[in-house]
Amino acid sequence: QVQLVESGGGLVQAGGSLRLSCAASGRIASIGAVGWYRQAPGKQRELVATIFKLGNTNYADSVKGRFTISRDNAKNTVYLQMNSLKPEDTAVYYCNDFTTGSWGQGTQVTVSS
């Protein structure tokens, strides 16, 4: 079992930045690729960024150039640096370990215009 805990969300003005963290505990040796998802009210959950075990990354077009996903394997943590935030980035952000299917509880990001 792997447990994931997200943190770092909050309220920020448009154009601002936030850094989300996804801390893993438990059977962390099994963690491979990790994705950051978000879900806005009334919308489906969408994948915004993925980082694979060797560090290569993928991004949704909507966040490319603004968000950066990274991982610190020594700290068992995956980060999502979010810059130039827009009101449409407002959502609950979740991390997911692709290998085990574990999800965190989510962290709210609200961007005001």
Protein backbone atom coordinates (compact mmCIF):
# COMPACT_ATOMS: atom_id res chain seq x y z
CA GLN A 1 0.00 0.00 0.00
CA VAL A 2 1.14 3.50 -0.83
CA GLN A 3 -0.34 6.58 0.80
CA LEU A 4 -0.21 9.93 -0.96
CA VAL A 5 -0.79 13.30 0.70
CA GLU A 6 -1.11 16.49 -1.32
CA SER A 7 -0.40 19.95 0.07
CA GLY A 8 0.35 23.47 -1.10
CA GLY A 9 -3.00 24.56 -2.47
CA GLY A 10 -4.58 27.89 -1.67
CA LEU A 11 -6.01 31.13 -3.00
CA VAL A 12 -3.89 33.14 -5.42
CA GLN A 13 -4.50 35.99 -7.83
CA ALA A 14 -4.30 35.46 -11.56
CA GLY A 15 -0.69 35.54 -12.69
CA GLY A 16 0.53 34.17 -9.39
CA SER A 17 2.28 30.93 -8.53
CA LEU A 18 1.82 27.94 -6.26
CA ARG A 19 3.82 24.78 -5.67
CA LEU A 20 1.95 21.62 -4.86
CA SER A 21 3.57 18.66 -3.13
CA CYS A 22 2.60 14.99 -3.20
CA ALA A 23 4.31 13.11 -0.40
CA ALA A 24 4.37 9.32 -0.50
CA SER A 25 4.63 6.87 2.36
CA GLY A 26 4.21 3.16 2.74
CA ARG A 27 5.58 0.78 0.10
CA ILE A 28 7.30 3.61 -1.71
CA ALA A 29 9.67 1.31 -3.55
CA SER A 30 6.76 0.46 -5.79
CA ILE A 31 6.15 4.03 -6.94
CA GLY A 32 6.77 4.57 -10.63
CA ALA A 33 5.06 7.13 -12.79
CA VAL A 34 3.03 9.75 -10.95
CA GLY A 35 0.42 12.05 -12.38
CA TRP A 36 -1.16 15.29 -11.22
CA TYR A 37 -4.85 15.54 -12.03
CA ARG A 38 -7.38 18.26 -11.42
CA GLN A 39 -11.14 18.39 -11.18
CA ALA A 40 -13.13 21.58 -11.44
CA PRO A 41 -16.76 21.76 -10.26
CA GLY A 42 -19.06 20.06 -12.73
CA LYS A 43 -16.18 18.80 -14.86
CA GLN A 44 -14.41 15.50 -15.30
CA ARG A 45 -11.07 14.86 -13.68
CA GLU A 46 -8.27 15.61 -16.13
CA LEU A 47 -4.60 14.66 -16.22
CA VAL A 48 -2.42 17.77 -16.32
CA ALA A 49 1.12 16.45 -15.83
CA THR A 50 2.97 13.14 -15.58
CA ILE A 51 6.46 12.28 -14.45
CA PHE A 52 7.96 8.86 -15.10
CA LYS A 53 10.43 7.01 -12.94
CA LEU A 54 13.46 8.20 -14.91
CA GLY A 55 12.24 11.80 -14.88
CA ASN A 56 10.72 12.31 -18.32
CA THR A 57 7.52 14.31 -18.31
CA ASN A 58 4.29 14.97 -20.18
CA TYR A 59 1.90 17.91 -19.92
CA ALA A 60 -1.59 18.74 -21.01
CA ASP A 61 -1.67 21.46 -23.65
CA SER A 62 -3.59 23.73 -21.29
CA VAL A 63 -0.68 23.90 -18.82
CA LYS A 64 2.33 23.44 -21.06
CA GLY A 65 4.88 26.19 -20.49
CA ARG A 66 3.28 27.22 -17.19
CA PHE A 67 3.41 24.10 -15.00
CA THR A 68 6.46 22.00 -14.17
CA ILE A 69 6.33 18.56 -12.59
CA SER A 70 9.36 17.22 -10.75
CA ARG A 71 10.24 14.52 -8.27
CA ASP A 72 12.66 14.15 -5.39
CA ASN A 73 13.08 10.41 -4.93
CA ALA A 74 15.12 10.91 -1.76
CA LYS A 75 12.13 12.70 -0.19
CA ASN A 76 9.53 10.47 -1.86
CA THR A 77 7.81 13.59 -3.08
CA VAL A 78 6.49 14.80 -6.42
CA TYR A 79 5.97 18.52 -7.00
CA LEU A 80 3.86 20.59 -9.34
CA GLN A 81 5.15 24.13 -9.80
CA MET A 82 2.34 26.25 -11.22
CA ASN A 83 3.18 29.67 -12.66
CA SER A 84 1.12 32.26 -14.52
CA LEU A 85 -2.02 30.86 -12.96
CA LYS A 86 -5.38 31.59 -14.58
CA PRO A 87 -8.89 31.50 -13.12
CA GLU A 88 -9.56 28.41 -15.25
CA ASP A 89 -6.86 26.56 -13.28
CA THR A 90 -9.20 26.61 -10.28
CA ALA A 91 -9.83 23.01 -9.24
CA VAL A 92 -9.06 20.34 -6.69
CA TYR A 93 -5.66 18.89 -7.57
CA TYR A 94 -4.89 15.22 -6.93
CA CYS A 95 -1.81 13.08 -7.37
CA ASN A 96 -1.96 9.47 -8.47
CA ASP A 97 0.63 6.72 -8.45
CA PHE A 98 0.15 4.83 -11.71
CA THR A 99 1.77 1.64 -10.42
CA THR A 100 -0.40 1.10 -7.35
CA GLY A 101 -3.41 3.21 -8.32
CA SER A 102 -3.20 5.14 -5.07
CA TRP A 103 -4.77 8.62 -4.89
CA GLY A 104 -4.28 11.44 -2.46
CA GLN A 105 -7.14 13.35 -0.84
CA GLY A 106 -6.70 16.43 -3.02
CA THR A 107 -5.75 20.05 -2.42
CA GLN A 108 -7.87 23.01 -3.47
CA VAL A 109 -6.40 25.63 -5.80
CA THR A 110 -8.43 28.79 -6.34
CA VAL A 111 -7.28 31.50 -8.74
CA SER A 112 -9.07 34.84 -8.54
CA SER A 113 -9.33 37.21 -11.47
